[in-house]
PDB file of N, CA and C in Angstrom:
ATOM      1  N   MET A   1      22.190   1.364 -17.757  1.00  0.00           N
ATOM      2  CA  MET A   1      20.854   1.676 -18.232  1.00  0.00           C
ATOM      3  C   MET A   1      19.880   0.596 -17.745  1.00  0.00           C
ATOM      4  N   MET A   2      18.722   1.031 -17.321  1.00  0.00           N
ATOM      5  CA  MET A   2      17.723   0.097 -16.794  1.00  0.00           C
ATOM      6  C   MET A   2      17.035  -0.665 -17.915  1.00  0.00           C
ATOM      7  N   ASN A   3      16.788  -1.930 -17.642  1.00  0.00           N
ATOM      8  CA  ASN A   3      15.984  -2.673 -18.595  1.00  0.00           C
ATOM      9  C   ASN A   3      14.508  -2.404 -18.295  1.00  0.00           C
ATOM     10  N   GLU A   4      13.645  -2.953 -19.108  1.00  0.00           N
ATOM     11  CA  GLU A   4      12.211  -2.667 -18.992  1.00  0.00           C
ATOM     12  C   GLU A   4      11.636  -3.091 -17.638  1.00  0.00           C
ATOM     13  N   MET A   5      12.039  -4.246 -17.135  1.00  0.00           N
ATOM     14  CA  MET A   5      11.514  -4.724 -15.859  1.00  0.00           C
ATOM     15  C   MET A   5      11.996  -3.847 -14.707  1.00  0.00           C
ATOM     16  N   GLU A   6      13.264  -3.478 -14.718  1.00  0.00           N
ATOM     17  CA  GLU A   6      13.790  -2.599 -13.672  1.00  0.00           C
ATOM     18  C   GLU A   6      13.074  -1.247 -13.670  1.00  0.00           C
ATOM     19  N   ARG A   7      12.785  -0.745 -14.842  1.00  0.00           N
ATOM     20  CA  ARG A   7      12.074   0.526 -14.972  1.00  0.00           C
ATOM     21  C   ARG A   7      10.649   0.393 -14.419  1.00  0.00           C
ATOM     22  N   HIS A   8       9.992  -0.700 -14.734  1.00  0.00           N
ATOM     23  CA  HIS A   8       8.640  -0.972 -14.233  1.00  0.00           C
ATOM     24  C   HIS A   8       8.638  -1.027 -12.705  1.00  0.00           C
ATOM     25  N   ILE A   9       9.576  -1.728 -12.133  1.00  0.00           N
ATOM     26  CA  ILE A   9       9.680  -1.843 -10.675  1.00  0.00           C
ATOM     27  C   ILE A   9       9.943  -0.468 -10.055  1.00  0.00           C
ATOM     28  N   ALA A  10      10.862   0.280 -10.624  1.00  0.00           N
ATOM     29  CA  ALA A  10      11.194   1.604 -10.097  1.00  0.00           C
ATOM     30  C   ALA A  10       9.993   2.543 -10.176  1.00  0.00           C
ATOM     31  N   GLN A  11       9.266   2.505 -11.283  1.00  0.00           N
ATOM     32  CA  GLN A  11       8.095   3.369 -11.433  1.00  0.00           C
ATOM     33  C   GLN A  11       7.020   3.013 -10.410  1.00  0.00           C
ATOM     34  N   ASN A  12       6.772   1.735 -10.199  1.00  0.00           N
ATOM     35  CA  ASN A  12       5.778   1.320  -9.216  1.00  0.00           C
ATOM     36  C   ASN A  12       6.200   1.690  -7.797  1.00  0.00           C
ATOM     37  N   ASN A  13       7.467   1.519  -7.482  1.00  0.00           N
ATOM     38  CA  ASN A  13       7.951   1.895  -6.155  1.00  0.00           C
ATOM     39  C   ASN A  13       7.892   3.406  -5.941  1.00  0.00           C
ATOM     40  N   ASP A  14       8.175   4.170  -6.988  1.00  0.00           N
ATOM     41  CA  ASP A  14       8.040   5.625  -6.894  1.00  0.00           C
ATOM     42  C   ASP A  14       6.583   6.009  -6.644  1.00  0.00           C
ATOM     43  N   ARG A  15       5.669   5.328  -7.328  1.00  0.00           N
ATOM     44  CA  ARG A  15       4.245   5.622  -7.148  1.00  0.00           C
ATOM     45  C   ARG A  15       3.797   5.261  -5.733  1.00  0.00           C
ATOM     46  N   LEU A  16       4.290   4.147  -5.210  1.00  0.00           N
ATOM     47  CA  LEU A  16       3.947   3.770  -3.840  1.00  0.00           C
ATOM     48  C   LEU A  16       4.427   4.832  -2.848  1.00  0.00           C
ATOM     49  N   GLN A  17       5.585   5.416  -3.095  1.00  0.00           N
ATOM     50  CA  GLN A  17       6.084   6.495  -2.231  1.00  0.00           C
ATOM     51  C   GLN A  17       5.151   7.704  -2.284  1.00  0.00           C
ATOM     52  N   CYS A  18       4.688   8.051  -3.471  1.00  0.00           N
ATOM     53  CA  CYS A  18       3.750   9.168  -3.616  1.00  0.00           C
ATOM     54  C   CYS A  18       2.436   8.873  -2.896  1.00  0.00           C
ATOM     55  N   ILE A  19       1.949   7.654  -3.051  1.00  0.00           N
ATOM     56  CA  ILE A  19       0.708   7.254  -2.386  1.00  0.00           C
ATOM     57  C   ILE A  19       0.877   7.334  -0.876  1.00  0.00           C
ATOM     58  N   LYS A  20       2.014   6.869  -0.386  1.00  0.00           N
ATOM     59  CA  LYS A  20       2.288   6.913   1.061  1.00  0.00           C
ATOM     60  C   LYS A  20       2.195   8.345   1.579  1.00  0.00           C
ATOM     61  N   GLN A  21       2.768   9.282   0.852  1.00  0.00           N
ATOM     62  CA  GLN A  21       2.716  10.688   1.256  1.00  0.00           C
ATOM     63  C   GLN A  21       1.286  11.213   1.226  1.00  0.00           C
ATOM     64  N   GLN A  22       0.533  10.844   0.204  1.00  0.00           N
ATOM     65  CA  GLN A  22      -0.853  11.303   0.085  1.00  0.00           C
ATOM     66  C   GLN A  22      -1.732  10.718   1.189  1.00  0.00           C
ATOM     67  N   LEU A  23      -1.452   9.485   1.570  1.00  0.00           N
ATOM     68  CA  LEU A  23      -2.241   8.837   2.618  1.00  0.00           C
ATOM     69  C   LEU A  23      -2.131   9.572   3.951  1.00  0.00           C
ATOM     70  N   ALA A  24      -1.033  10.254   4.175  1.00  0.00           N
ATOM     71  CA  ALA A  24      -0.784  10.923   5.447  1.00  0.00           C
ATOM     72  C   ALA A  24      -1.588  12.211   5.616  1.00  0.00           C
ATOM     73  N   SER A  25      -2.210  12.701   4.549  1.00  0.00           N
ATOM     74  CA  SER A  25      -2.976  13.944   4.655  1.00  0.00           C
ATOM     75  C   SER A  25      -4.462  13.671   4.486  1.00  0.00           C
ATOM     76  N   THR A  26      -5.273  14.427   5.203  1.00  0.00           N
ATOM     77  CA  THR A  26      -6.719  14.239   5.101  1.00  0.00           C
ATOM     78  C   THR A  26      -7.203  14.536   3.689  1.00  0.00           C
ATOM     79  N   SER A  27      -6.584  15.487   3.026  1.00  0.00           N
ATOM     80  CA  SER A  27      -7.029  15.849   1.676  1.00  0.00           C
ATOM     81  C   SER A  27      -6.648  14.808   0.628  1.00  0.00           C
ATOM     82  N   GLY A  28      -5.614  14.031   0.881  1.00  0.00           N
ATOM     83  CA  GLY A  28      -5.173  13.044  -0.106  1.00  0.00           C
ATOM     84  C   GLY A  28      -5.552  11.618   0.210  1.00  0.00           C
ATOM     85  N   PHE A  29      -6.020  11.368   1.420  1.00  0.00           N
ATOM     86  CA  PHE A  29      -6.256   9.994   1.866  1.00  0.00           C
ATOM     87  C   PHE A  29      -7.243   9.238   0.982  1.00  0.00           C
ATOM     88  N   GLN A  30      -8.406   9.821   0.734  1.00  0.00           N
ATOM     89  CA  GLN A  30      -9.450   9.122  -0.027  1.00  0.00           C
ATOM     90  C   GLN A  30      -8.950   8.636  -1.383  1.00  0.00           C
ATOM     91  N   SER A  31      -8.395   9.545  -2.176  1.00  0.00           N
ATOM     92  CA  SER A  31      -7.977   9.153  -3.529  1.00  0.00           C
ATOM     93  C   SER A  31      -6.793   8.193  -3.481  1.00  0.00           C
ATOM     94  N   ALA A  32      -5.852   8.417  -2.568  1.00  0.00           N
ATOM     95  CA  ALA A  32      -4.687   7.535  -2.476  1.00  0.00           C
ATOM     96  C   ALA A  32      -5.094   6.141  -2.012  1.00  0.00           C
ATOM     97  N   ALA A  33      -5.983   6.073  -1.023  1.00  0.00           N
ATOM     98  CA  ALA A  33      -6.424   4.768  -0.528  1.00  0.00           C
ATOM     99  C   ALA A  33      -7.215   4.014  -1.591  1.00  0.00           C
ATOM    100  N   ARG A  34      -8.031   4.731  -2.342  1.00  0.00           N
ATOM    101  CA  ARG A  34      -8.791   4.072  -3.432  1.00  0.00           C
ATOM    102  C   ARG A  34      -7.850   3.562  -4.527  1.00  0.00           C
ATOM    103  N   GLU A  35      -6.855   4.359  -4.861  1.00  0.00           N
ATOM    104  CA  GLU A  35      -5.874   3.926  -5.863  1.00  0.00           C
ATOM    105  C   GLU A  35      -5.131   2.686  -5.378  1.00  0.00           C
ATOM    106  N   LEU A  36      -4.731   2.709  -4.119  1.00  0.00           N
ATOM    107  CA  LEU A  36      -4.010   1.567  -3.561  1.00  0.00           C
ATOM    108  C   LEU A  36      -4.910   0.338  -3.476  1.00  0.00           C
ATOM    109  N   LEU A  37      -6.170   0.537  -3.122  1.00  0.00           N
ATOM    110  CA  LEU A  37      -7.124  -0.576  -3.070  1.00  0.00           C
ATOM    111  C   LEU A  37      -7.288  -1.203  -4.450  1.00  0.00           C
ATOM    112  N   GLU A  38      -7.386  -0.374  -5.471  1.00  0.00           N
ATOM    113  CA  GLU A  38      -7.487  -0.881  -6.845  1.00  0.00           C
ATOM    114  C   GLU A  38      -6.207  -1.610  -7.233  1.00  0.00           C
ATOM    115  N   TRP A  39      -5.060  -1.052  -6.885  1.00  0.00           N
ATOM    116  CA  TRP A  39      -3.771  -1.656  -7.210  1.00  0.00           C
ATOM    117  C   TRP A  39      -3.657  -3.028  -6.545  1.00  0.00           C
ATOM    118  N   CYS A  40      -4.136  -3.120  -5.295  1.00  0.00           N
ATOM    119  CA  CYS A  40      -4.035  -4.376  -4.545  1.00  0.00           C
ATOM    120  C   CYS A  40      -5.055  -5.425  -4.987  1.00  0.00           C
ATOM    121  N   SER A  41      -5.958  -5.058  -5.869  1.00  0.00           N
ATOM    122  CA  SER A  41      -6.898  -6.047  -6.399  1.00  0.00           C
ATOM    123  C   SER A  41      -6.210  -6.970  -7.409  1.00  0.00           C
ATOM    124  N   ASP A  42      -5.013  -6.603  -7.812  1.00  0.00           N
ATOM    125  CA  ASP A  42      -4.199  -7.414  -8.718  1.00  0.00           C
ATOM    126  C   ASP A  42      -3.107  -8.087  -7.880  1.00  0.00           C
ATOM    127  N   THR A  43      -3.030  -9.399  -7.944  1.00  0.00           N
ATOM    128  CA  THR A  43      -2.057 -10.121  -7.105  1.00  0.00           C
ATOM    129  C   THR A  43      -0.608  -9.750  -7.417  1.00  0.00           C
ATOM    130  N   ARG A  44      -0.366  -9.157  -8.562  1.00  0.00           N
ATOM    131  CA  ARG A  44       1.003  -8.722  -8.879  1.00  0.00           C
ATOM    132  C   ARG A  44       1.471  -7.618  -7.934  1.00  0.00           C
ATOM    133  N   ALA A  45       0.543  -6.955  -7.279  1.00  0.00           N
ATOM    134  CA  ALA A  45       0.899  -5.901  -6.320  1.00  0.00           C
ATOM    135  C   ALA A  45       1.680  -6.461  -5.140  1.00  0.00           C
ATOM    136  N   PHE A  46       1.568  -7.756  -4.917  1.00  0.00           N
ATOM    137  CA  PHE A  46       2.183  -8.380  -3.747  1.00  0.00           C
ATOM    138  C   PHE A  46       3.520  -9.052  -4.060  1.00  0.00           C
ATOM    139  N   GLN A  47       4.098  -8.706  -5.199  1.00  0.00           N
ATOM    140  CA  GLN A  47       5.401  -9.242  -5.553  1.00  0.00           C
ATOM    141  C   GLN A  47       6.471  -8.622  -4.655  1.00  0.00           C
ATOM    142  N   ARG A  48       7.497  -9.372  -4.410  1.00  0.00           N
ATOM    143  CA  ARG A  48       8.571  -8.972  -3.490  1.00  0.00           C
ATOM    144  C   ARG A  48       9.155  -7.586  -3.767  1.00  0.00           C
ATOM    145  N   PRO A  49       9.392  -7.180  -5.027  1.00  0.00           N
ATOM    146  CA  PRO A  49       9.993  -5.853  -5.246  1.00  0.00           C
ATOM    147  C   PRO A  49       9.131  -4.688  -4.744  1.00  0.00           C
ATOM    148  N   PHE A  50       7.829  -4.919  -4.530  1.00  0.00           N
ATOM    149  CA  PHE A  50       6.929  -3.857  -4.099  1.00  0.00           C
ATOM    150  C   PHE A  50       6.594  -3.946  -2.612  1.00  0.00           C
ATOM    151  N   GLU A  51       7.088  -4.960  -1.955  1.00  0.00           N
ATOM    152  CA  GLU A  51       6.678  -5.242  -0.576  1.00  0.00           C
ATOM    153  C   GLU A  51       6.994  -4.102   0.386  1.00  0.00           C
ATOM    154  N   ASN A  52       8.203  -3.566   0.355  1.00  0.00           N
ATOM    155  CA  ASN A  52       8.554  -2.492   1.283  1.00  0.00           C
ATOM    156  C   ASN A  52       7.678  -1.266   1.090  1.00  0.00           C
ATOM    157  N   GLY A  53       7.456  -0.897  -0.150  1.00  0.00           N
ATOM    158  CA  GLY A  53       6.600   0.255  -0.433  1.00  0.00           C
ATOM    159  C   GLY A  53       5.171   0.028   0.000  1.00  0.00           C
ATOM    160  N   LEU A  54       4.668  -1.155  -0.268  1.00  0.00           N
ATOM    161  CA  LEU A  54       3.302  -1.481   0.122  1.00  0.00           C
ATOM    162  C   LEU A  54       3.153  -1.511   1.637  1.00  0.00           C
ATOM    163  N   MET A  55       4.111  -2.099   2.322  1.00  0.00           N
ATOM    164  CA  MET A  55       4.051  -2.144   3.780  1.00  0.00           C
ATOM    165  C   MET A  55       4.137  -0.738   4.376  1.00  0.00           C
ATOM    166  N   GLY A  56       4.910   0.116   3.761  1.00  0.00           N
ATOM    167  CA  GLY A  56       4.971   1.502   4.218  1.00  0.00           C
ATOM    168  C   GLY A  56       3.627   2.194   4.104  1.00  0.00           C
ATOM    169  N   CYS A  57       2.942   1.964   2.993  1.00  0.00           N
ATOM    170  CA  CYS A  57       1.610   2.534   2.799  1.00  0.00           C
ATOM    171  C   CYS A  57       0.627   1.975   3.822  1.00  0.00           C
ATOM    172  N   LEU A  58       0.664   0.674   4.053  1.00  0.00           N
ATOM    173  CA  LEU A  58      -0.263   0.049   4.994  1.00  0.00           C
ATOM    174  C   LEU A  58      -0.021   0.531   6.423  1.00  0.00           C
ATOM    175  N   THR A  59       1.227   0.793   6.744  1.00  0.00           N
ATOM    176  CA  THR A  59       1.551   1.318   8.068  1.00  0.00           C
ATOM    177  C   THR A  59       0.916   2.696   8.258  1.00  0.00           C
ATOM    178  N   VAL A  60       1.024   3.536   7.243  1.00  0.00           N
ATOM    179  CA  VAL A  60       0.400   4.863   7.318  1.00  0.00           C
ATOM    180  C   VAL A  60      -1.115   4.713   7.441  1.00  0.00           C
ATOM    181  N   VAL A  61      -1.718   3.855   6.634  1.00  0.00           N
ATOM    182  CA  VAL A  61      -3.173   3.650   6.687  1.00  0.00           C
ATOM    183  C   VAL A  61      -3.602   3.236   8.088  1.00  0.00           C
ATOM    184  N   SER A  62      -2.898   2.297   8.679  1.00  0.00           N
ATOM    185  CA  SER A  62      -3.297   1.805  10.002  1.00  0.00           C
ATOM    186  C   SER A  62      -3.173   2.891  11.065  1.00  0.00           C
ATOM    187  N   ARG A  63      -2.255   3.819  10.873  1.00  0.00           N
ATOM    188  CA  ARG A  63      -2.064   4.902  11.848  1.00  0.00           C
ATOM    189  C   ARG A  63      -3.077   6.023  11.700  1.00  0.00           C
ATOM    190  N   VAL A  64      -3.403   6.383  10.455  1.00  0.00           N
ATOM    191  CA  VAL A  64      -4.228   7.581  10.259  1.00  0.00           C
ATOM    192  C   VAL A  64      -5.710   7.303  10.047  1.00  0.00           C
ATOM    193  N   ALA A  65      -6.078   6.153   9.525  1.00  0.00           N
ATOM    194  CA  ALA A  65      -7.481   5.891   9.186  1.00  0.00           C
ATOM    195  C   ALA A  65      -8.449   6.107  10.351  1.00  0.00           C
ATOM    196  N   PRO A  66      -8.083   5.766  11.585  1.00  0.00           N
ATOM    197  CA  PRO A  66      -9.033   5.988  12.693  1.00  0.00           C
ATOM    198  C   PRO A  66      -9.186   7.449  13.117  1.00  0.00           C
ATOM    199  N   ARG A  67      -8.322   8.311  12.631  1.00  0.00           N
ATOM    200  CA  ARG A  67      -8.347   9.719  13.055  1.00  0.00           C
ATOM    201  C   ARG A  67      -9.484  10.477  12.378  1.00  0.00           C
ATOM    202  N   PRO A  68      -9.968  11.524  13.040  1.00  0.00           N
ATOM    203  CA  PRO A  68     -10.989  12.382  12.429  1.00  0.00           C
ATOM    204  C   PRO A  68     -10.496  12.957  11.105  1.00  0.00           C
ATOM    205  N   GLY A  69     -11.367  12.991  10.122  1.00  0.00           N
ATOM    206  CA  GLY A  69     -11.021  13.532   8.809  1.00  0.00           C
ATOM    207  C   GLY A  69     -10.525  12.492   7.821  1.00  0.00           C
ATOM    208  N   TYR A  70     -10.306  11.273   8.301  1.00  0.00           N
ATOM    209  CA  TYR A  70      -9.886  10.176   7.429  1.00  0.00           C
ATOM    210  C   TYR A  70     -11.066   9.224   7.261  1.00  0.00           C
ATOM    211  N   ASP A  71     -10.876   8.117   6.629  1.00  0.00           N
ATOM    212  CA  ASP A  71     -11.969   7.185   6.361  1.00  0.00           C
ATOM    213  C   ASP A  71     -11.601   5.817   6.924  1.00  0.00           C
ATOM    214  N   LEU A  72     -12.110   5.532   8.109  1.00  0.00           N
ATOM    215  CA  LEU A  72     -11.802   4.271   8.781  1.00  0.00           C
ATOM    216  C   LEU A  72     -12.269   3.067   7.968  1.00  0.00           C
ATOM    217  N   GLU A  73     -13.456   3.137   7.395  1.00  0.00           N
ATOM    218  CA  GLU A  73     -13.984   2.006   6.627  1.00  0.00           C
ATOM    219  C   GLU A  73     -13.117   1.711   5.401  1.00  0.00           C
ATOM    220  N   LEU A  74     -12.713   2.737   4.696  1.00  0.00           N
ATOM    221  CA  LEU A  74     -11.848   2.557   3.526  1.00  0.00           C
ATOM    222  C   LEU A  74     -10.497   1.986   3.954  1.00  0.00           C
ATOM    223  N   GLY A  75      -9.958   2.503   5.042  1.00  0.00           N
ATOM    224  CA  GLY A  75      -8.692   1.972   5.561  1.00  0.00           C
ATOM    225  C   GLY A  75      -8.815   0.513   5.941  1.00  0.00           C
ATOM    226  N   TYR A  76      -9.908   0.168   6.589  1.00  0.00           N
ATOM    227  CA  TYR A  76     -10.138  -1.222   6.982  1.00  0.00           C
ATOM    228  C   TYR A  76     -10.235  -2.119   5.747  1.00  0.00           C
ATOM    229  N   ARG A  77     -10.969  -1.682   4.738  1.00  0.00           N
ATOM    230  CA  ARG A  77     -11.098  -2.491   3.509  1.00  0.00           C
ATOM    231  C   ARG A  77      -9.731  -2.737   2.880  1.00  0.00           C
ATOM    232  N   LEU A  78      -8.912  -1.719   2.844  1.00  0.00           N
ATOM    233  CA  LEU A  78      -7.573  -1.847   2.265  1.00  0.00           C
ATOM    234  C   LEU A  78      -6.721  -2.829   3.057  1.00  0.00           C
ATOM    235  N   LEU A  79      -6.741  -2.686   4.375  1.00  0.00           N
ATOM    236  CA  LEU A  79      -5.969  -3.605   5.218  1.00  0.00           C
ATOM    237  C   LEU A  79      -6.486  -5.034   5.103  1.00  0.00           C
ATOM    238  N   ALA A  80      -7.799  -5.191   4.985  1.00  0.00           N
ATOM    239  CA  ALA A  80      -8.386  -6.528   4.861  1.00  0.00           C
ATOM    240  C   ALA A  80      -7.981  -7.199   3.550  1.00  0.00           C
ATOM    241  N   VAL A  81      -7.970  -6.441   2.463  1.00  0.00           N
ATOM    242  CA  VAL A  81      -7.553  -6.995   1.160  1.00  0.00           C
ATOM    243  C   VAL A  81      -6.111  -7.474   1.255  1.00  0.00           C
ATOM    244  N   CYS A  82      -5.273  -6.678   1.863  1.00  0.00           N
ATOM    245  CA  CYS A  82      -3.860  -7.056   1.970  1.00  0.00           C
ATOM    246  C   CYS A  82      -3.663  -8.223   2.932  1.00  0.00           C
ATOM    247  N   ALA A  83      -4.436  -8.266   3.991  1.00  0.00           N
ATOM    248  CA  ALA A  83      -4.339  -9.387   4.933  1.00  0.00           C
ATOM    249  C   ALA A  83      -4.730 -10.694   4.253  1.00  0.00           C
ATOM    250  N   ALA A  84      -5.653 -10.626   3.311  1.00  0.00           N
ATOM    251  CA  ALA A  84      -6.063 -11.826   2.580  1.00  0.00           C
ATOM    252  C   ALA A  84      -4.933 -12.375   1.711  1.00  0.00           C
ATOM    253  N   HIS A  85      -3.964 -11.531   1.414  1.00  0.00           N
ATOM    254  CA  HIS A  85      -2.822 -11.944   0.583  1.00  0.00           C
ATOM    255  C   HIS A  85      -1.549 -12.082   1.404  1.00  0.00           C
ATOM    256  N   ARG A  86      -1.701 -12.205   2.692  1.00  0.00           N
ATOM    257  CA  ARG A  86      -0.554 -12.281   3.604  1.00  0.00           C
ATOM    258  C   ARG A  86       0.431 -13.383   3.197  1.00  0.00           C
ATOM    259  N   ASP A  87      -0.066 -14.449   2.622  1.00  0.00           N
ATOM    260  CA  ASP A  87       0.806 -15.562   2.227  1.00  0.00           C
ATOM    261  C   ASP A  87       1.811 -15.166   1.143  1.00  0.00           C
ATOM    262  N   LYS A  88       1.586 -14.056   0.473  1.00  0.00           N
ATOM    263  CA  LYS A  88       2.490 -13.618  -0.591  1.00  0.00           C
ATOM    264  C   LYS A  88       3.633 -12.750  -0.057  1.00  0.00           C
ATOM    265  N   PHE A  89       3.547 -12.329   1.216  1.00  0.00           N
ATOM    266  CA  PHE A  89       4.586 -11.507   1.817  1.00  0.00           C
ATOM    267  C   PHE A  89       5.699 -12.377   2.375  1.00  0.00           C
ATOM    268  N   THR A  90       6.867 -11.757   2.568  1.00  0.00           N
ATOM    269  CA  THR A  90       7.946 -12.458   3.264  1.00  0.00           C
ATOM    270  C   THR A  90       7.478 -12.698   4.698  1.00  0.00           C
ATOM    271  N   PRO A  91       8.052 -13.682   5.379  1.00  0.00           N
ATOM    272  CA  PRO A  91       7.622 -13.950   6.766  1.00  0.00           C
ATOM    273  C   PRO A  91       7.684 -12.731   7.667  1.00  0.00           C
ATOM    274  N   LYS A  92       8.711 -11.902   7.530  1.00  0.00           N
ATOM    275  CA  LYS A  92       8.847 -10.715   8.372  1.00  0.00           C
ATOM    276  C   LYS A  92       7.667  -9.770   8.165  1.00  0.00           C
ATOM    277  N   SER A  93       7.308  -9.508   6.923  1.00  0.00           N
ATOM    278  CA  SER A  93       6.194  -8.598   6.629  1.00  0.00           C
ATOM    279  C   SER A  93       4.855  -9.245   6.988  1.00  0.00           C
ATOM    280  N   ALA A  94       4.739 -10.530   6.764  1.00  0.00           N
ATOM    281  CA  ALA A  94       3.480 -11.219   7.063  1.00  0.00           C
ATOM    282  C   ALA A  94       3.172 -11.173   8.554  1.00  0.00           C
ATOM    283  N   GLU A  95       4.210 -11.173   9.377  1.00  0.00           N
ATOM    284  CA  GLU A  95       4.017 -11.111  10.822  1.00  0.00           C
ATOM    285  C   GLU A  95       3.747  -9.701  11.303  1.00  0.00           C
ATOM    286  N   ASN A  96       4.210  -8.705  10.527  1.00  0.00           N
ATOM    287  CA  ASN A  96       4.024  -7.315  10.884  1.00  0.00           C
ATOM    288  C   ASN A  96       2.558  -6.948  10.731  1.00  0.00           C
ATOM    289  N   ARG A  97       2.010  -6.423  11.773  1.00  0.00           N
ATOM    290  CA  ARG A  97       0.622  -5.994  11.735  1.00  0.00           C
ATOM    291  C   ARG A  97       0.627  -4.469  11.785  1.00  0.00           C
ATOM    292  N   PRO A  98       0.527  -3.837  10.599  1.00  0.00           N
ATOM    293  CA  PRO A  98       0.651  -2.368  10.549  1.00  0.00           C
ATOM    294  C   PRO A  98      -0.333  -1.664  11.449  1.00  0.00           C
TER     295      PRO A  98
END
C-alpha cells in the first residue's frame, strides 16, 4: 500500500502525463501549457521525482509551440521559467535542451 508521499508523487506524475498528451494537440495546448506554467511557478515542481515527467512535457512544448495553431509565446515563457530553475535538475536533464 502506498504511503501519502508515494501517492502524491504518483498523482503528480500521472497529471504530468495527461498534460504532456494535451500539449501535443492544438485544442489542448493553451490550457495545458498554462497549467504547467502555474505548476512550475512553485519550486517543488522541480523535485527529482517529477523530473522525467516535466522534461517530457518540455520536450513536447519545444517541438510543437512554433507550429501553426499553437502559442509560441506561451511555449517560450514556459521554457524560460524552467530554464531559470535548471540548477534544480540532474546534470543530464540540465544539459538537455528540449
